[in-house]
Amino acid sequence: MEISNLLNMDGNIVLGIVNERLRLECSTIEELVSRYELDNDELNEKMEALGYHYDPISNQFK
């Protein structure tokens, strides 16, 4: 799936895709944003607006 426009999608869809990519492909949020050329601040703002924060221990947004 192409995720170049990920941050323009509905937040709940973004949450699912991001957590899936973190679980299957990327060991850190830094690796995820680098691999998919995402803006880290914009991703975190979108997730915080939904009430989620990145948890580095579980490597997912909770």
PDB file of N, CA and C in Angstrom:
ATOM      1  N   MET A   1       0.846  -1.187   0.000  1.00  0.00           N
ATOM      2  CA  MET A   1       0.000   0.000   0.000  1.00  0.00           C
ATOM      3  C   MET A   1       0.882   1.238   0.000  1.00  0.00           C
ATOM      4  N   GLU A   2       0.533   2.188  -0.828  1.00  0.00           N
ATOM      5  CA  GLU A   2       1.256   3.451  -0.900  1.00  0.00           C
ATOM      6  C   GLU A   2       0.806   4.339   0.251  1.00  0.00           C
ATOM      7  N   ILE A   3       1.744   4.832   1.034  1.00  0.00           N
ATOM      8  CA  ILE A   3       1.352   5.672   2.165  1.00  0.00           C
ATOM      9  C   ILE A   3       1.956   7.070   2.065  1.00  0.00           C
ATOM     10  N   SER A   4       2.291   7.503   0.848  1.00  0.00           N
ATOM     11  CA  SER A   4       2.883   8.830   0.699  1.00  0.00           C
ATOM     12  C   SER A   4       1.916   9.934   1.117  1.00  0.00           C
ATOM     13  N   ASN A   5       0.616   9.699   0.995  1.00  0.00           N
ATOM     14  CA  ASN A   5      -0.389  10.683   1.401  1.00  0.00           C
ATOM     15  C   ASN A   5      -1.049  10.301   2.715  1.00  0.00           C
ATOM     16  N   LEU A   6      -0.355   9.514   3.488  1.00  0.00           N
ATOM     17  CA  LEU A   6      -0.902   8.977   4.732  1.00  0.00           C
ATOM     18  C   LEU A   6      -1.474  10.052   5.649  1.00  0.00           C
ATOM     19  N   LEU A   7      -0.758  11.141   5.831  1.00  0.00           N
ATOM     20  CA  LEU A   7      -1.180  12.147   6.797  1.00  0.00           C
ATOM     21  C   LEU A   7      -2.404  12.933   6.347  1.00  0.00           C
ATOM     22  N   ASN A   8      -2.825  12.744   5.095  1.00  0.00           N
ATOM     23  CA  ASN A   8      -4.051  13.379   4.603  1.00  0.00           C
ATOM     24  C   ASN A   8      -5.282  12.506   4.814  1.00  0.00           C
ATOM     25  N   MET A   9      -5.067  11.275   5.280  1.00  0.00           N
ATOM     26  CA  MET A   9      -6.171  10.333   5.489  1.00  0.00           C
ATOM     27  C   MET A   9      -6.834  10.562   6.839  1.00  0.00           C
ATOM     28  N   ASP A  10      -7.974   9.926   7.021  1.00  0.00           N
ATOM     29  CA  ASP A  10      -8.683   9.937   8.299  1.00  0.00           C
ATOM     30  C   ASP A  10      -7.755   9.424   9.395  1.00  0.00           C
ATOM     31  N   GLY A  11      -7.787  10.056  10.550  1.00  0.00           N
ATOM     32  CA  GLY A  11      -6.893   9.718  11.643  1.00  0.00           C
ATOM     33  C   GLY A  11      -6.960   8.283  12.096  1.00  0.00           C
ATOM     34  N   ASN A  12      -8.158   7.692  12.098  1.00  0.00           N
ATOM     35  CA  ASN A  12      -8.293   6.302  12.529  1.00  0.00           C
ATOM     36  C   ASN A  12      -7.640   5.338  11.542  1.00  0.00           C
ATOM     37  N   ILE A  13      -7.705   5.671  10.272  1.00  0.00           N
ATOM     38  CA  ILE A  13      -7.025   4.860   9.259  1.00  0.00           C
ATOM     39  C   ILE A  13      -5.518   4.997   9.422  1.00  0.00           C
ATOM     40  N   VAL A  14      -5.066   6.219   9.672  1.00  0.00           N
ATOM     41  CA  VAL A  14      -3.637   6.472   9.887  1.00  0.00           C
ATOM     42  C   VAL A  14      -3.143   5.651  11.081  1.00  0.00           C
ATOM     43  N   LEU A  15      -3.889   5.652  12.153  1.00  0.00           N
ATOM     44  CA  LEU A  15      -3.518   4.887  13.344  1.00  0.00           C
ATOM     45  C   LEU A  15      -3.311   3.420  13.010  1.00  0.00           C
ATOM     46  N   GLY A  16      -4.245   2.828  12.310  1.00  0.00           N
ATOM     47  CA  GLY A  16      -4.139   1.418  11.954  1.00  0.00           C
ATOM     48  C   GLY A  16      -2.949   1.127  11.066  1.00  0.00           C
ATOM     49  N   ILE A  17      -2.746   1.953  10.058  1.00  0.00           N
ATOM     50  CA  ILE A  17      -1.634   1.740   9.132  1.00  0.00           C
ATOM     51  C   ILE A  17      -0.303   1.921   9.840  1.00  0.00           C
ATOM     52  N   VAL A  18      -0.178   2.994  10.614  1.00  0.00           N
ATOM     53  CA  VAL A  18       1.080   3.282  11.297  1.00  0.00           C
ATOM     54  C   VAL A  18       1.419   2.176  12.286  1.00  0.00           C
ATOM     55  N   ASN A  19       0.461   1.750  13.089  1.00  0.00           N
ATOM     56  CA  ASN A  19       0.745   0.688  14.057  1.00  0.00           C
ATOM     57  C   ASN A  19       1.081  -0.629  13.356  1.00  0.00           C
ATOM     58  N   GLU A  20       0.444  -0.895  12.219  1.00  0.00           N
ATOM     59  CA  GLU A  20       0.779  -2.094  11.458  1.00  0.00           C
ATOM     60  C   GLU A  20       2.218  -2.019  10.939  1.00  0.00           C
ATOM     61  N   ARG A  21       2.591  -0.888  10.376  1.00  0.00           N
ATOM     62  CA  ARG A  21       3.955  -0.735   9.850  1.00  0.00           C
ATOM     63  C   ARG A  21       4.986  -0.803  10.975  1.00  0.00           C
ATOM     64  N   LEU A  22       4.664  -0.258  12.126  1.00  0.00           N
ATOM     65  CA  LEU A  22       5.577  -0.339  13.263  1.00  0.00           C
ATOM     66  C   LEU A  22       5.730  -1.783  13.735  1.00  0.00           C
ATOM     67  N   ARG A  23       4.648  -2.522  13.711  1.00  0.00           N
ATOM     68  CA  ARG A  23       4.674  -3.912  14.170  1.00  0.00           C
ATOM     69  C   ARG A  23       5.421  -4.811  13.182  1.00  0.00           C
ATOM     70  N   LEU A  24       5.221  -4.590  11.884  1.00  0.00           N
ATOM     71  CA  LEU A  24       5.750  -5.521  10.886  1.00  0.00           C
ATOM     72  C   LEU A  24       7.061  -5.103  10.235  1.00  0.00           C
ATOM     73  N   GLU A  25       7.320  -3.791  10.135  1.00  0.00           N
ATOM     74  CA  GLU A  25       8.447  -3.347   9.312  1.00  0.00           C
ATOM     75  C   GLU A  25       9.469  -2.468  10.019  1.00  0.00           C
ATOM     76  N   CYS A  26       9.057  -1.685  10.984  1.00  0.00           N
ATOM     77  CA  CYS A  26       9.940  -0.661  11.546  1.00  0.00           C
ATOM     78  C   CYS A  26      10.086  -0.851  13.056  1.00  0.00           C
ATOM     79  N   SER A  27      11.309  -0.807  13.519  1.00  0.00           N
ATOM     80  CA  SER A  27      11.551  -1.035  14.946  1.00  0.00           C
ATOM     81  C   SER A  27      11.449   0.237  15.780  1.00  0.00           C
ATOM     82  N   THR A  28      11.359   1.406  15.126  1.00  0.00           N
ATOM     83  CA  THR A  28      11.207   2.678  15.843  1.00  0.00           C
ATOM     84  C   THR A  28      10.371   3.636  15.015  1.00  0.00           C
ATOM     85  N   ILE A  29       9.855   4.663  15.672  1.00  0.00           N
ATOM     86  CA  ILE A  29       9.101   5.700  14.962  1.00  0.00           C
ATOM     87  C   ILE A  29      10.014   6.461  14.002  1.00  0.00           C
ATOM     88  N   GLU A  30      11.276   6.625  14.390  1.00  0.00           N
ATOM     89  CA  GLU A  30      12.233   7.320  13.534  1.00  0.00           C
ATOM     90  C   GLU A  30      12.451   6.564  12.226  1.00  0.00           C
ATOM     91  N   GLU A  31      12.531   5.247  12.323  1.00  0.00           N
ATOM     92  CA  GLU A  31      12.685   4.427  11.123  1.00  0.00           C
ATOM     93  C   GLU A  31      11.454   4.547  10.231  1.00  0.00           C
ATOM     94  N   LEU A  32      10.281   4.555  10.833  1.00  0.00           N
ATOM     95  CA  LEU A  32       9.037   4.686  10.076  1.00  0.00           C
ATOM     96  C   LEU A  32       8.979   5.998   9.307  1.00  0.00           C
ATOM     97  N   VAL A  33       9.219   7.115   9.992  1.00  0.00           N
ATOM     98  CA  VAL A  33       9.111   8.413   9.311  1.00  0.00           C
ATOM     99  C   VAL A  33      10.194   8.567   8.256  1.00  0.00           C
ATOM    100  N   SER A  34      11.351   7.996   8.492  1.00  0.00           N
ATOM    101  CA  SER A  34      12.424   8.052   7.496  1.00  0.00           C
ATOM    102  C   SER A  34      12.087   7.194   6.280  1.00  0.00           C
ATOM    103  N   ARG A  35      11.651   5.971   6.515  1.00  0.00           N
ATOM    104  CA  ARG A  35      11.352   5.042   5.413  1.00  0.00           C
ATOM    105  C   ARG A  35      10.240   5.572   4.515  1.00  0.00           C
ATOM    106  N   TYR A  36       9.215   6.163   5.120  1.00  0.00           N
ATOM    107  CA  TYR A  36       8.061   6.615   4.344  1.00  0.00           C
ATOM    108  C   TYR A  36       8.044   8.125   4.113  1.00  0.00           C
ATOM    109  N   GLU A  37       9.146   8.790   4.470  1.00  0.00           N
ATOM    110  CA  GLU A  37       9.304  10.230   4.256  1.00  0.00           C
ATOM    111  C   GLU A  37       8.123  11.019   4.814  1.00  0.00           C
ATOM    112  N   LEU A  38       7.803  10.731   6.071  1.00  0.00           N
ATOM    113  CA  LEU A  38       6.723  11.414   6.774  1.00  0.00           C
ATOM    114  C   LEU A  38       7.303  12.508   7.664  1.00  0.00           C
ATOM    115  N   ASP A  39       6.480  13.481   7.996  1.00  0.00           N
ATOM    116  CA  ASP A  39       6.880  14.523   8.944  1.00  0.00           C
ATOM    117  C   ASP A  39       6.540  14.034  10.347  1.00  0.00           C
ATOM    118  N   ASN A  40       7.563  13.832  11.166  1.00  0.00           N
ATOM    119  CA  ASN A  40       7.375  13.285  12.512  1.00  0.00           C
ATOM    120  C   ASN A  40       6.435  14.146  13.348  1.00  0.00           C
ATOM    121  N   ASP A  41       6.624  15.463  13.312  1.00  0.00           N
ATOM    122  CA  ASP A  41       5.777  16.358  14.104  1.00  0.00           C
ATOM    123  C   ASP A  41       4.324  16.294  13.641  1.00  0.00           C
ATOM    124  N   GLU A  42       4.120  16.272  12.346  1.00  0.00           N
ATOM    125  CA  GLU A  42       2.760  16.222  11.804  1.00  0.00           C
ATOM    126  C   GLU A  42       2.074  14.904  12.174  1.00  0.00           C
ATOM    127  N   LEU A  43       2.813  13.804  12.110  1.00  0.00           N
ATOM    128  CA  LEU A  43       2.258  12.501  12.503  1.00  0.00           C
ATOM    129  C   LEU A  43       1.875  12.510  13.974  1.00  0.00           C
ATOM    130  N   ASN A  44       2.771  12.990  14.829  1.00  0.00           N
ATOM    131  CA  ASN A  44       2.475  13.040  16.259  1.00  0.00           C
ATOM    132  C   ASN A  44       1.299  13.956  16.568  1.00  0.00           C
ATOM    133  N   GLU A  45       1.196  15.083  15.893  1.00  0.00           N
ATOM    134  CA  GLU A  45       0.062  15.992  16.101  1.00  0.00           C
ATOM    135  C   GLU A  45      -1.248  15.329  15.715  1.00  0.00           C
ATOM    136  N   LYS A  46      -1.241  14.619  14.593  1.00  0.00           N
ATOM    137  CA  LYS A  46      -2.457  13.941  14.140  1.00  0.00           C
ATOM    138  C   LYS A  46      -2.883  12.878  15.153  1.00  0.00           C
ATOM    139  N   MET A  47      -1.921  12.116  15.661  1.00  0.00           N
ATOM    140  CA  MET A  47      -2.243  11.072  16.634  1.00  0.00           C
ATOM    141  C   MET A  47      -2.663  11.659  17.973  1.00  0.00           C
ATOM    142  N   GLU A  48      -2.024  12.739  18.409  1.00  0.00           N
ATOM    143  CA  GLU A  48      -2.402  13.396  19.660  1.00  0.00           C
ATOM    144  C   GLU A  48      -3.817  13.966  19.578  1.00  0.00           C
ATOM    145  N   ALA A  49      -4.220  14.437  18.413  1.00  0.00           N
ATOM    146  CA  ALA A  49      -5.577  14.959  18.230  1.00  0.00           C
ATOM    147  C   ALA A  49      -6.615  13.862  18.451  1.00  0.00           C
ATOM    148  N   LEU A  50      -6.227  12.621  18.206  1.00  0.00           N
ATOM    149  CA  LEU A  50      -7.117  11.480  18.435  1.00  0.00           C
ATOM    150  C   LEU A  50      -6.967  10.906  19.841  1.00  0.00           C
ATOM    151  N   GLY A  51      -6.008  11.426  20.600  1.00  0.00           N
ATOM    152  CA  GLY A  51      -5.793  10.950  21.962  1.00  0.00           C
ATOM    153  C   GLY A  51      -4.750   9.851  22.075  1.00  0.00           C
ATOM    154  N   TYR A  52      -3.911   9.674  21.047  1.00  0.00           N
ATOM    155  CA  TYR A  52      -2.887   8.633  21.062  1.00  0.00           C
ATOM    156  C   TYR A  52      -1.508   9.250  21.161  1.00  0.00           C
ATOM    157  N   HIS A  53      -0.623   8.543  21.862  1.00  0.00           N
ATOM    158  CA  HIS A  53       0.780   8.958  21.988  1.00  0.00           C
ATOM    159  C   HIS A  53       1.648   7.749  21.665  1.00  0.00           C
ATOM    160  N   TYR A  54       2.810   8.019  21.098  1.00  0.00           N
ATOM    161  CA  TYR A  54       3.728   6.935  20.766  1.00  0.00           C
ATOM    162  C   TYR A  54       4.365   6.374  22.030  1.00  0.00           C
ATOM    163  N   ASP A  55       4.327   5.071  22.163  1.00  0.00           N
ATOM    164  CA  ASP A  55       4.954   4.367  23.283  1.00  0.00           C
ATOM    165  C   ASP A  55       6.151   3.595  22.739  1.00  0.00           C
ATOM    166  N   PRO A  56       7.380   4.059  23.034  1.00  0.00           N
ATOM    167  CA  PRO A  56       8.567   3.404  22.476  1.00  0.00           C
ATOM    168  C   PRO A  56       8.785   1.988  23.014  1.00  0.00           C
ATOM    169  N   ILE A  57       8.271   1.679  24.170  1.00  0.00           N
ATOM    170  CA  ILE A  57       8.453   0.332  24.729  1.00  0.00           C
ATOM    171  C   ILE A  57       7.686  -0.701  23.906  1.00  0.00           C
ATOM    172  N   SER A  58       6.446  -0.389  23.576  1.00  0.00           N
ATOM    173  CA  SER A  58       5.655  -1.324  22.764  1.00  0.00           C
ATOM    174  C   SER A  58       5.755  -1.015  21.269  1.00  0.00           C
ATOM    175  N   ASN A  59       6.412   0.100  20.924  1.00  0.00           N
ATOM    176  CA  ASN A  59       6.583   0.538  19.549  1.00  0.00           C
ATOM    177  C   ASN A  59       5.236   0.662  18.820  1.00  0.00           C
ATOM    178  N   GLN A  60       4.323   1.385  19.471  1.00  0.00           N
ATOM    179  CA  GLN A  60       3.026   1.636  18.845  1.00  0.00           C
ATOM    180  C   GLN A  60       2.386   2.871  19.459  1.00  0.00           C
ATOM    181  N   PHE A  61       1.385   3.375  18.761  1.00  0.00           N
ATOM    182  CA  PHE A  61       0.601   4.475  19.316  1.00  0.00           C
ATOM    183  C   PHE A  61      -0.491   3.867  20.161  1.00  0.00           C
ATOM    184  N   LYS A  62      -0.611   4.381  21.390  1.00  0.00           N
ATOM    185  CA  LYS A  62      -1.630   3.891  22.326  1.00  0.00           C
ATOM    186  C   LYS A  62      -2.477   5.050  22.788  1.00  0.00           C
TER     187      LYS A  62
END
